[in-house]
Amino acid sequence: MHSLIPLLASLCLPFLCLGDGKWCYDSQDTKCGPSHWKDHFPSCGWMEQSPINIVTKNAQIDTKLIPIEFEGYDDPDTDANWTITNNGHSVQVGLKGDIAIKGGNLPNKYKAVQFHYHWGTKSEFGSEHAIDGEKYPVEMHIVHMNEQYSSIADAVKDPDGLAVLGFMFVESPEENLKSKALINVLKTVPNQGKEYLAPFSLKDLIPDEEKLKKYYRYRGSLTTPGCEEAVIWTVFEEPIPLSKSQLSTFYETFFSSDSKPITLNFRPIQKRNGRKVYVSDSAVRPFDAAVLSSVLTVWTSILFN
């Protein structure tokens, strides 16, 4: 049964095979765009939807948000090719092998299922989340499933069913050499339905772990229908740099079945509706904490002696 998980993931996520309604982005057809999703997928109209605008000054420090542990991210596993697919809404990569995350106050270990991208156009940024109102050219989501489940259909019924890591991309004057191989492979699936098989190391696609200690955490949903509120979101502060040419791959390369370019494939910002956003306390260095402790000790000694 477990051998079927990557196959199901590549076929269904991030656009879950649940429900019968047609959906799209406004750039494809406003009649089936995000404002109409709830007509066919009721969850899309619920109260804890994603993405959101993360207001950093309002984020509450949570000392339980320790660094996330990445398992198998550095193992390309050449015997387990990834499936790169143009599904008409995005380009996504189905993952195989023993890849998982734990720690970071996640309630369990989560198996990596797939990753995909959201982007804009040459002149309009296309990330889904915003940080202090600022959007980014591209956003990558790495989707993980709670290891207690053997199917996505079961996982999305649980508020702890999925853990998604969000990474922002920024323009860099230099080419990102670590991402170069994957960017080139993505170009092999320009048309909807095209697939390509290749192994990669996830570690090469994200910042070094030392730079991933600062992140934001909140409870939300999938950002595509059926919008199930089953996601523990982790959005990292550290962006991934890509050159202008590498970024252009996203909004110039991919086409849907009607030969229209896939652009602006992001869901608009959703209301937070009172949800709390937390931030890891990695911004406080151990040295700072030690100094603070020493100061408190001295003042306590002065006050009570």
C-alpha atoms as a PDB file:
ATOM      1  CA  MET A   1       0.000   0.000   0.000  1.00  0.00           C
ATOM      2  CA  HIS A   2       2.816   2.411   0.915  1.00  0.00           C
ATOM      3  CA  SER A   3       4.287   2.035  -2.557  1.00  0.00           C
ATOM      4  CA  LEU A   4       1.140   3.655  -3.948  1.00  0.00           C
ATOM      5  CA  ILE A   5       1.505   6.849  -1.933  1.00  0.00           C
ATOM      6  CA  PRO A   6       3.940   8.644  -4.272  1.00  0.00           C
ATOM      7  CA  LEU A   7       1.791   7.693  -7.263  1.00  0.00           C
ATOM      8  CA  LEU A   8      -1.381   9.006  -5.650  1.00  0.00           C
ATOM      9  CA  ALA A   9       0.434  12.135  -4.587  1.00  0.00           C
ATOM     10  CA  SER A  10       1.717  12.868  -8.070  1.00  0.00           C
ATOM     11  CA  LEU A  11      -1.740  12.417  -9.501  1.00  0.00           C
ATOM     12  CA  CYS A  12      -3.716  14.354  -6.921  1.00  0.00           C
ATOM     13  CA  LEU A  13      -1.711  16.890  -4.986  1.00  0.00           C
ATOM     14  CA  PRO A  14      -1.728  19.854  -4.752  1.00  0.00           C
ATOM     15  CA  PHE A  15      -5.005  19.597  -6.608  1.00  0.00           C
ATOM     16  CA  LEU A  16      -6.722  16.856  -4.639  1.00  0.00           C
ATOM     17  CA  CYS A  17      -8.933  14.409  -6.472  1.00  0.00           C
ATOM     18  CA  LEU A  18     -11.889  15.216  -4.265  1.00  0.00           C
ATOM     19  CA  GLY A  19     -15.120  16.747  -5.542  1.00  0.00           C
ATOM     20  CA  ASP A  20     -16.473  17.091  -9.056  1.00  0.00           C
ATOM     21  CA  GLY A  21     -16.383  20.844  -9.642  1.00  0.00           C
ATOM     22  CA  LYS A  22     -14.192  22.436 -12.258  1.00  0.00           C
ATOM     23  CA  TRP A  23     -11.777  25.029 -10.951  1.00  0.00           C
ATOM     24  CA  CYS A  24      -9.089  27.309 -12.320  1.00  0.00           C
ATOM     25  CA  TYR A  25      -7.363  30.632 -11.746  1.00  0.00           C
ATOM     26  CA  ASP A  26      -8.725  33.958 -12.933  1.00  0.00           C
ATOM     27  CA  SER A  27      -5.872  34.156 -15.441  1.00  0.00           C
ATOM     28  CA  GLN A  28      -7.337  31.036 -17.058  1.00  0.00           C
ATOM     29  CA  ASP A  29     -11.049  31.812 -16.761  1.00  0.00           C
ATOM     30  CA  THR A  30     -12.749  34.117 -14.244  1.00  0.00           C
ATOM     31  CA  LYS A  31     -15.890  31.929 -14.312  1.00  0.00           C
ATOM     32  CA  CYS A  32     -14.085  29.165 -12.425  1.00  0.00           C
ATOM     33  CA  GLY A  33     -11.545  31.308 -10.555  1.00  0.00           C
ATOM     34  CA  PRO A  34     -10.935  31.480  -6.775  1.00  0.00           C
ATOM     35  CA  SER A  35     -14.077  33.495  -6.014  1.00  0.00           C
ATOM     36  CA  HIS A  36     -16.155  30.571  -7.330  1.00  0.00           C
ATOM     37  CA  TRP A  37     -14.277  27.694  -5.719  1.00  0.00           C
ATOM     38  CA  LYS A  38     -16.596  27.535  -2.731  1.00  0.00           C
ATOM     39  CA  ASP A  39     -19.547  26.927  -5.063  1.00  0.00           C
ATOM     40  CA  HIS A  40     -18.234  23.446  -5.770  1.00  0.00           C
ATOM     41  CA  PHE A  41     -15.848  22.945  -2.861  1.00  0.00           C
ATOM     42  CA  PRO A  42     -17.570  24.176   0.346  1.00  0.00           C
ATOM     43  CA  SER A  43     -14.349  24.013   2.389  1.00  0.00           C
ATOM     44  CA  CYS A  44     -12.984  26.896   0.310  1.00  0.00           C
ATOM     45  CA  GLY A  45     -15.449  29.160   2.140  1.00  0.00           C
ATOM     46  CA  TRP A  46     -14.516  28.089   5.660  1.00  0.00           C
ATOM     47  CA  MET A  47     -12.840  30.266   8.294  1.00  0.00           C
ATOM     48  CA  GLU A  48      -9.235  28.973   8.421  1.00  0.00           C
ATOM     49  CA  GLN A  49      -8.166  29.269   4.827  1.00  0.00           C
ATOM     50  CA  SER A  50      -4.761  29.871   3.251  1.00  0.00           C
ATOM     51  CA  PRO A  51      -2.750  31.761   2.163  1.00  0.00           C
ATOM     52  CA  ILE A  52      -2.559  34.719   4.546  1.00  0.00           C
ATOM     53  CA  ASN A  53      -0.578  37.907   5.009  1.00  0.00           C
ATOM     54  CA  ILE A  54       1.909  37.331   7.819  1.00  0.00           C
ATOM     55  CA  VAL A  55       2.302  40.487   9.902  1.00  0.00           C
ATOM     56  CA  THR A  56       5.644  39.972  11.597  1.00  0.00           C
ATOM     57  CA  LYS A  57       5.126  42.460  14.449  1.00  0.00           C
ATOM     58  CA  ASN A  58       2.002  40.564  15.508  1.00  0.00           C
ATOM     59  CA  ALA A  59       3.585  37.107  15.365  1.00  0.00           C
ATOM     60  CA  GLN A  60       3.950  35.576  18.829  1.00  0.00           C
ATOM     61  CA  ILE A  61       7.258  33.982  19.773  1.00  0.00           C
ATOM     62  CA  ASP A  62       6.816  30.283  20.506  1.00  0.00           C
ATOM     63  CA  THR A  63       9.808  28.687  22.238  1.00  0.00           C
ATOM     64  CA  LYS A  64       8.535  25.255  21.195  1.00  0.00           C
ATOM     65  CA  LEU A  65       9.256  26.080  17.567  1.00  0.00           C
ATOM     66  CA  ILE A  66      12.709  24.544  17.556  1.00  0.00           C
ATOM     67  CA  PRO A  67      14.536  23.919  14.260  1.00  0.00           C
ATOM     68  CA  ILE A  68      12.844  21.428  11.963  1.00  0.00           C
ATOM     69  CA  GLU A  69      14.734  18.189  11.352  1.00  0.00           C
ATOM     70  CA  PHE A  70      15.052  17.139   7.711  1.00  0.00           C
ATOM     71  CA  GLU A  71      15.429  13.422   7.002  1.00  0.00           C
ATOM     72  CA  GLY A  72      16.520  12.180   3.587  1.00  0.00           C
ATOM     73  CA  TYR A  73      16.641  15.694   2.140  1.00  0.00           C
ATOM     74  CA  ASP A  74      20.302  15.189   1.265  1.00  0.00           C
ATOM     75  CA  ASP A  75      19.803  11.786  -0.399  1.00  0.00           C
ATOM     76  CA  PRO A  76      19.084  11.969  -4.158  1.00  0.00           C
ATOM     77  CA  ASP A  77      18.280   8.212  -4.189  1.00  0.00           C
ATOM     78  CA  THR A  78      18.980   7.617  -7.875  1.00  0.00           C
ATOM     79  CA  ASP A  79      16.859   4.457  -7.797  1.00  0.00           C
ATOM     80  CA  ALA A  80      13.746   6.482  -6.951  1.00  0.00           C
ATOM     81  CA  ASN A  81      13.151   8.938  -9.762  1.00  0.00           C
ATOM     82  CA  TRP A  82      10.876  11.892  -9.115  1.00  0.00           C
ATOM     83  CA  THR A  83       7.979  12.510 -11.473  1.00  0.00           C
ATOM     84  CA  ILE A  84       7.919  16.064 -12.833  1.00  0.00           C
ATOM     85  CA  THR A  85       4.457  16.925 -14.176  1.00  0.00           C
ATOM     86  CA  ASN A  86       2.668  19.838 -15.805  1.00  0.00           C
ATOM     87  CA  ASN A  87      -0.870  19.397 -14.474  1.00  0.00           C
ATOM     88  CA  GLY A  88      -2.366  22.449 -16.155  1.00  0.00           C
ATOM     89  CA  HIS A  89      -2.360  24.543 -12.971  1.00  0.00           C
ATOM     90  CA  SER A  90       1.278  24.314 -11.926  1.00  0.00           C
ATOM     91  CA  VAL A  91       4.392  22.229 -12.298  1.00  0.00           C
ATOM     92  CA  GLN A  92       4.790  19.694  -9.520  1.00  0.00           C
ATOM     93  CA  VAL A  93       7.294  17.045  -8.562  1.00  0.00           C
ATOM     94  CA  GLY A  94       6.151  13.775  -6.991  1.00  0.00           C
ATOM     95  CA  LEU A  95       8.647  12.564  -4.396  1.00  0.00           C
ATOM     96  CA  LYS A  96       9.871   9.063  -3.664  1.00  0.00           C
ATOM     97  CA  GLY A  97      12.278   7.658  -1.131  1.00  0.00           C
ATOM     98  CA  ASP A  98      12.591   8.041   2.628  1.00  0.00           C
ATOM     99  CA  ILE A  99      12.156  11.797   2.930  1.00  0.00           C
ATOM    100  CA  ALA A 100      10.503  13.301   6.006  1.00  0.00           C
ATOM    101  CA  ILE A 101      10.444  16.128   8.546  1.00  0.00           C
ATOM    102  CA  LYS A 102       9.971  16.135  12.304  1.00  0.00           C
ATOM    103  CA  GLY A 103      10.588  18.467  15.231  1.00  0.00           C
ATOM    104  CA  GLY A 104       9.540  22.092  15.075  1.00  0.00           C
ATOM    105  CA  ASN A 105       6.635  21.280  17.423  1.00  0.00           C
ATOM    106  CA  LEU A 106       5.008  19.127  14.751  1.00  0.00           C
ATOM    107  CA  PRO A 107       2.741  16.495  16.335  1.00  0.00           C
ATOM    108  CA  ASN A 108       4.310  13.620  14.398  1.00  0.00           C
ATOM    109  CA  LYS A 109       6.788  12.757  11.667  1.00  0.00           C
ATOM    110  CA  TYR A 110       5.613  13.782   8.196  1.00  0.00           C
ATOM    111  CA  LYS A 111       6.551  12.029   4.941  1.00  0.00           C
ATOM    112  CA  ALA A 112       7.421  14.191   1.934  1.00  0.00           C
ATOM    113  CA  VAL A 113       4.863  13.699  -0.833  1.00  0.00           C
ATOM    114  CA  GLN A 114       5.532  16.345  -3.459  1.00  0.00           C
ATOM    115  CA  PHE A 115       6.439  19.957  -4.107  1.00  0.00           C
ATOM    116  CA  HIS A 116       5.018  22.518  -6.499  1.00  0.00           C
ATOM    117  CA  TYR A 117       5.217  26.200  -7.350  1.00  0.00           C
ATOM    118  CA  HIS A 118       3.055  29.318  -7.573  1.00  0.00           C
ATOM    119  CA  TRP A 119       4.166  32.284  -9.659  1.00  0.00           C
ATOM    120  CA  GLY A 120       3.075  35.493 -11.346  1.00  0.00           C
ATOM    121  CA  THR A 121       4.225  37.223 -14.518  1.00  0.00           C
ATOM    122  CA  LYS A 122       7.205  39.257 -15.620  1.00  0.00           C
ATOM    123  CA  SER A 123       5.635  42.342 -14.051  1.00  0.00           C
ATOM    124  CA  GLU A 124       3.538  40.901 -11.205  1.00  0.00           C
ATOM    125  CA  PHE A 125       4.734  38.852  -8.244  1.00  0.00           C
ATOM    126  CA  GLY A 126       2.981  35.539  -7.711  1.00  0.00           C
ATOM    127  CA  SER A 127       3.707  34.132  -4.266  1.00  0.00           C
ATOM    128  CA  GLU A 128       0.660  33.005  -2.310  1.00  0.00           C
ATOM    129  CA  HIS A 129       1.669  34.154   1.163  1.00  0.00           C
ATOM    130  CA  ALA A 130       2.703  37.721   1.837  1.00  0.00           C
ATOM    131  CA  ILE A 131       5.001  38.904   4.614  1.00  0.00           C
ATOM    132  CA  ASP A 132       4.108  42.353   5.942  1.00  0.00           C
ATOM    133  CA  GLY A 133       2.109  42.867   2.778  1.00  0.00           C
ATOM    134  CA  GLU A 134       5.047  42.038   0.526  1.00  0.00           C
ATOM    135  CA  LYS A 135       4.682  39.305  -2.062  1.00  0.00           C
ATOM    136  CA  TYR A 136       7.494  37.508  -3.855  1.00  0.00           C
ATOM    137  CA  PRO A 137       8.058  36.408  -7.469  1.00  0.00           C
ATOM    138  CA  VAL A 138       7.595  32.674  -6.778  1.00  0.00           C
ATOM    139  CA  GLU A 139       6.641  30.462  -3.836  1.00  0.00           C
ATOM    140  CA  MET A 140       7.443  26.774  -3.451  1.00  0.00           C
ATOM    141  CA  HIS A 141       5.415  24.392  -1.281  1.00  0.00           C
ATOM    142  CA  ILE A 142       6.850  21.095  -0.081  1.00  0.00           C
ATOM    143  CA  VAL A 143       3.903  18.948   0.992  1.00  0.00           C
ATOM    144  CA  HIS A 144       4.306  16.331   3.734  1.00  0.00           C
ATOM    145  CA  MET A 145       1.738  13.824   5.010  1.00  0.00           C
ATOM    146  CA  ASN A 146       1.385  12.678   8.617  1.00  0.00           C
ATOM    147  CA  GLU A 147       3.053   9.265   8.657  1.00  0.00           C
ATOM    148  CA  GLN A 148       0.135   7.711  10.505  1.00  0.00           C
ATOM    149  CA  TYR A 149      -1.847   7.844   7.261  1.00  0.00           C
ATOM    150  CA  SER A 150      -1.417   5.790   4.115  1.00  0.00           C
ATOM    151  CA  SER A 151      -3.491   8.008   1.833  1.00  0.00           C
ATOM    152  CA  ILE A 152      -3.972  11.707   1.213  1.00  0.00           C
ATOM    153  CA  ALA A 153      -7.750  11.225   1.296  1.00  0.00           C
ATOM    154  CA  ASP A 154      -7.488  10.139   4.944  1.00  0.00           C
ATOM    155  CA  ALA A 155      -4.891  12.746   5.873  1.00  0.00           C
ATOM    156  CA  VAL A 156      -7.010  15.724   4.793  1.00  0.00           C
ATOM    157  CA  LYS A 157      -9.733  14.695   7.249  1.00  0.00           C
ATOM    158  CA  ASP A 158      -7.343  15.424  10.134  1.00  0.00           C
ATOM    159  CA  PRO A 159      -6.325  18.997  11.160  1.00  0.00           C
ATOM    160  CA  ASP A 160      -2.844  17.508  11.713  1.00  0.00           C
ATOM    161  CA  GLY A 161      -2.922  15.575   8.453  1.00  0.00           C
ATOM    162  CA  LEU A 162      -0.509  17.657   6.388  1.00  0.00           C
ATOM    163  CA  ALA A 163       2.557  19.788   7.045  1.00  0.00           C
ATOM    164  CA  VAL A 164       3.524  22.162   4.245  1.00  0.00           C
ATOM    165  CA  LEU A 165       6.775  24.098   4.064  1.00  0.00           C
ATOM    166  CA  GLY A 166       6.590  27.424   2.231  1.00  0.00           C
ATOM    167  CA  PHE A 167       9.672  28.982   0.632  1.00  0.00           C
ATOM    168  CA  MET A 168       9.792  32.404  -1.018  1.00  0.00           C
ATOM    169  CA  PHE A 169      11.977  33.149  -4.037  1.00  0.00           C
ATOM    170  CA  VAL A 170      13.752  36.429  -4.721  1.00  0.00           C
ATOM    171  CA  GLU A 171      15.659  37.724  -7.719  1.00  0.00           C
ATOM    172  CA  SER A 172      19.427  37.452  -7.496  1.00  0.00           C
ATOM    173  CA  PRO A 173      22.070  38.939  -9.805  1.00  0.00           C
ATOM    174  CA  GLU A 174      23.696  35.523  -9.956  1.00  0.00           C
ATOM    175  CA  GLU A 175      22.421  32.147 -11.097  1.00  0.00           C
ATOM    176  CA  ASN A 176      21.568  29.652  -8.367  1.00  0.00           C
ATOM    177  CA  LEU A 177      23.843  26.779  -9.324  1.00  0.00           C
ATOM    178  CA  LYS A 178      22.252  24.325  -6.874  1.00  0.00           C
ATOM    179  CA  SER A 179      18.839  24.835  -8.472  1.00  0.00           C
ATOM    180  CA  LYS A 180      20.142  24.854 -12.030  1.00  0.00           C
ATOM    181  CA  ALA A 181      19.617  21.138 -12.713  1.00  0.00           C
ATOM    182  CA  LEU A 182      15.997  21.161 -11.545  1.00  0.00           C
ATOM    183  CA  ILE A 183      15.167  24.387 -13.378  1.00  0.00           C
ATOM    184  CA  ASN A 184      16.457  22.818 -16.587  1.00  0.00           C
ATOM    185  CA  VAL A 185      14.384  19.681 -16.022  1.00  0.00           C
ATOM    186  CA  LEU A 186      11.228  21.704 -15.369  1.00  0.00           C
ATOM    187  CA  LYS A 187      11.567  23.047 -18.897  1.00  0.00           C
ATOM    188  CA  THR A 188      10.980  19.517 -20.251  1.00  0.00           C
ATOM    189  CA  VAL A 189       7.280  19.615 -19.291  1.00  0.00           C
ATOM    190  CA  PRO A 190       5.975  22.792 -20.982  1.00  0.00           C
ATOM    191  CA  ASN A 191       2.605  21.321 -21.930  1.00  0.00           C
ATOM    192  CA  GLN A 192      -0.148  19.936 -19.722  1.00  0.00           C
ATOM    193  CA  GLY A 193       0.129  16.196 -19.279  1.00  0.00           C
ATOM    194  CA  LYS A 194       3.851  16.056 -20.005  1.00  0.00           C
ATOM    195  CA  GLU A 195       5.973  14.096 -17.513  1.00  0.00           C
ATOM    196  CA  TYR A 196       9.657  13.582 -16.942  1.00  0.00           C
ATOM    197  CA  LEU A 197      11.540  11.320 -14.520  1.00  0.00           C
ATOM    198  CA  ALA A 198      14.682  12.391 -12.669  1.00  0.00           C
ATOM    199  CA  PRO A 199      16.285  12.087  -9.201  1.00  0.00           C
ATOM    200  CA  PHE A 200      17.331  15.137  -7.170  1.00  0.00           C
ATOM    201  CA  SER A 201      18.439  16.115  -3.701  1.00  0.00           C
ATOM    202  CA  LEU A 202      15.907  18.317  -1.900  1.00  0.00           C
ATOM    203  CA  LYS A 203      18.719  19.778   0.163  1.00  0.00           C
ATOM    204  CA  ASP A 204      20.074  21.477  -2.969  1.00  0.00           C
ATOM    205  CA  LEU A 205      16.767  23.265  -3.511  1.00  0.00           C
ATOM    206  CA  ILE A 206      16.400  24.959  -0.117  1.00  0.00           C
ATOM    207  CA  PRO A 207      18.623  27.188   2.055  1.00  0.00           C
ATOM    208  CA  ASP A 208      21.132  25.676   4.458  1.00  0.00           C
ATOM    209  CA  GLU A 209      19.538  24.395   7.659  1.00  0.00           C
ATOM    210  CA  GLU A 210      21.286  27.087   9.700  1.00  0.00           C
ATOM    211  CA  LYS A 211      19.256  29.672   7.762  1.00  0.00           C
ATOM    212  CA  LEU A 212      15.968  27.843   8.341  1.00  0.00           C
ATOM    213  CA  LYS A 213      15.721  28.383  12.089  1.00  0.00           C
ATOM    214  CA  LYS A 214      13.524  31.464  11.651  1.00  0.00           C
ATOM    215  CA  TYR A 215      10.028  30.591  10.458  1.00  0.00           C
ATOM    216  CA  TYR A 216       6.355  31.398  10.923  1.00  0.00           C
ATOM    217  CA  ARG A 217       3.731  28.866  11.895  1.00  0.00           C
ATOM    218  CA  TYR A 218      -0.054  28.877  11.641  1.00  0.00           C
ATOM    219  CA  ARG A 219      -3.015  26.584  11.037  1.00  0.00           C
ATOM    220  CA  GLY A 220      -4.606  26.754   7.631  1.00  0.00           C
ATOM    221  CA  SER A 221      -5.695  24.944   4.516  1.00  0.00           C
ATOM    222  CA  LEU A 222      -4.652  23.753   1.120  1.00  0.00           C
ATOM    223  CA  THR A 223      -4.551  26.724  -1.230  1.00  0.00           C
ATOM    224  CA  THR A 224      -6.300  24.832  -4.022  1.00  0.00           C
ATOM    225  CA  PRO A 225      -9.632  22.975  -4.083  1.00  0.00           C
ATOM    226  CA  GLY A 226     -10.842  21.253  -2.026  1.00  0.00           C
ATOM    227  CA  CYS A 227      -9.188  23.744   0.412  1.00  0.00           C
ATOM    228  CA  GLU A 228      -9.282  21.223   3.276  1.00  0.00           C
ATOM    229  CA  GLU A 229      -8.282  22.789   6.601  1.00  0.00           C
ATOM    230  CA  ALA A 230      -5.748  20.091   7.346  1.00  0.00           C
ATOM    231  CA  VAL A 231      -2.452  21.961   7.027  1.00  0.00           C
ATOM    232  CA  ILE A 232       0.147  22.959   9.587  1.00  0.00           C
ATOM    233  CA  TRP A 233       1.891  25.748   7.706  1.00  0.00           C
ATOM    234  CA  THR A 234       5.572  26.604   8.122  1.00  0.00           C
ATOM    235  CA  VAL A 235       6.678  29.661   6.137  1.00  0.00           C
ATOM    236  CA  PHE A 236      10.409  30.369   6.237  1.00  0.00           C
ATOM    237  CA  GLU A 237      11.803  33.878   6.467  1.00  0.00           C
ATOM    238  CA  GLU A 238      14.963  33.089   4.469  1.00  0.00           C
ATOM    239  CA  PRO A 239      14.214  33.376   0.733  1.00  0.00           C
ATOM    240  CA  ILE A 240      15.719  31.303  -2.068  1.00  0.00           C
ATOM    241  CA  PRO A 241      17.664  33.349  -4.633  1.00  0.00           C
ATOM    242  CA  LEU A 242      17.206  32.713  -8.359  1.00  0.00           C
ATOM    243  CA  SER A 243      18.497  34.740 -11.260  1.00  0.00           C
ATOM    244  CA  LYS A 244      16.104  36.740 -13.422  1.00  0.00           C
ATOM    245  CA  SER A 245      16.457  34.121 -16.152  1.00  0.00           C
ATOM    246  CA  GLN A 246      15.721  31.263 -13.734  1.00  0.00           C
ATOM    247  CA  LEU A 247      12.628  33.031 -12.392  1.00  0.00           C
ATOM    248  CA  SER A 248      11.369  33.641 -15.916  1.00  0.00           C
ATOM    249  CA  THR A 249      11.258  29.868 -16.425  1.00  0.00           C
ATOM    250  CA  PHE A 250       8.039  29.751 -14.433  1.00  0.00           C
ATOM    251  CA  TYR A 251       5.975  32.383 -16.203  1.00  0.00           C
ATOM    252  CA  GLU A 252       7.367  31.756 -19.707  1.00  0.00           C
ATOM    253  CA  THR A 253       7.539  27.955 -19.942  1.00  0.00           C
ATOM    254  CA  PHE A 254       4.287  26.285 -18.944  1.00  0.00           C
ATOM    255  CA  PHE A 255       1.008  26.011 -20.829  1.00  0.00           C
ATOM    256  CA  SER A 256      -2.375  24.484 -20.023  1.00  0.00           C
ATOM    257  CA  SER A 257      -4.352  22.190 -22.319  1.00  0.00           C
ATOM    258  CA  ASP A 258      -5.850  25.132 -24.216  1.00  0.00           C
ATOM    259  CA  SER A 259      -2.332  26.385 -25.000  1.00  0.00           C
ATOM    260  CA  LYS A 260      -2.727  29.350 -22.666  1.00  0.00           C
ATOM    261  CA  PRO A 261       0.340  30.238 -20.588  1.00  0.00           C
ATOM    262  CA  ILE A 262       0.090  29.271 -16.927  1.00  0.00           C
ATOM    263  CA  THR A 263       0.578  32.521 -15.025  1.00  0.00           C
ATOM    264  CA  LEU A 264      -0.743  34.150 -11.842  1.00  0.00           C
ATOM    265  CA  ASN A 265      -1.502  30.695 -10.439  1.00  0.00           C
ATOM    266  CA  PHE A 266      -1.929  31.838  -6.860  1.00  0.00           C
ATOM    267  CA  ARG A 267      -4.928  32.092  -4.565  1.00  0.00           C
ATOM    268  CA  PRO A 268      -5.651  35.586  -3.180  1.00  0.00           C
ATOM    269  CA  ILE A 269      -4.843  36.348   0.453  1.00  0.00           C
ATOM    270  CA  GLN A 270      -7.483  34.983   2.837  1.00  0.00           C
ATOM    271  CA  LYS A 271      -8.746  36.498   6.092  1.00  0.00           C
ATOM    272  CA  ARG A 272      -6.949  35.391   9.217  1.00  0.00           C
ATOM    273  CA  ASN A 273     -10.222  35.364  11.192  1.00  0.00           C
ATOM    274  CA  GLY A 274      -8.541  35.608  14.576  1.00  0.00           C
ATOM    275  CA  ARG A 275      -5.979  32.883  13.995  1.00  0.00           C
ATOM    276  CA  LYS A 276      -2.652  33.343  15.742  1.00  0.00           C
ATOM    277  CA  VAL A 277       0.604  33.325  13.826  1.00  0.00           C
ATOM    278  CA  TYR A 278       3.666  32.159  15.723  1.00  0.00           C
ATOM    279  CA  VAL A 279       7.355  32.714  15.064  1.00  0.00           C
ATOM    280  CA  SER A 280      10.337  30.671  16.162  1.00  0.00           C
ATOM    281  CA  ASP A 281      12.581  32.401  18.681  1.00  0.00           C
ATOM    282  CA  SER A 282      15.780  31.732  16.736  1.00  0.00           C
ATOM    283  CA  ALA A 283      16.237  35.478  16.341  1.00  0.00           C
ATOM    284  CA  VAL A 284      17.348  35.492  20.000  1.00  0.00           C
ATOM    285  CA  ARG A 285      20.904  34.189  19.939  1.00  0.00           C
ATOM    286  CA  PRO A 286      22.113  31.901  22.779  1.00  0.00           C
ATOM    287  CA  PHE A 287      24.600  34.625  23.736  1.00  0.00           C
ATOM    288  CA  ASP A 288      21.766  37.108  24.181  1.00  0.00           C
ATOM    289  CA  ALA A 289      19.863  34.689  26.348  1.00  0.00           C
ATOM    290  CA  ALA A 290      22.952  34.071  28.471  1.00  0.00           C
ATOM    291  CA  VAL A 291      23.539  37.795  28.944  1.00  0.00           C
ATOM    292  CA  LEU A 292      19.909  38.323  29.909  1.00  0.00           C
ATOM    293  CA  SER A 293      20.136  35.501  32.445  1.00  0.00           C
ATOM    294  CA  SER A 294      23.279  36.992  33.968  1.00  0.00           C
ATOM    295  CA  VAL A 295      21.697  40.443  34.232  1.00  0.00           C
ATOM    296  CA  LEU A 296      18.628  38.988  35.942  1.00  0.00           C
ATOM    297  CA  THR A 297      20.828  37.066  38.368  1.00  0.00           C
ATOM    298  CA  VAL A 298      22.766  40.223  39.305  1.00  0.00           C
ATOM    299  CA  TRP A 299      19.609  42.292  39.809  1.00  0.00           C
ATOM    300  CA  THR A 300      18.011  39.542  41.861  1.00  0.00           C
ATOM    301  CA  SER A 301      21.089  39.446  44.061  1.00  0.00           C
ATOM    302  CA  ILE A 302      20.991  43.220  44.516  1.00  0.00           C
ATOM    303  CA  LEU A 303      17.281  43.337  45.289  1.00  0.00           C
ATOM    304  CA  PHE A 304      17.143  40.488  47.770  1.00  0.00           C
ATOM    305  CA  ASN A 305      20.443  40.872  49.589  1.00  0.00           C
END
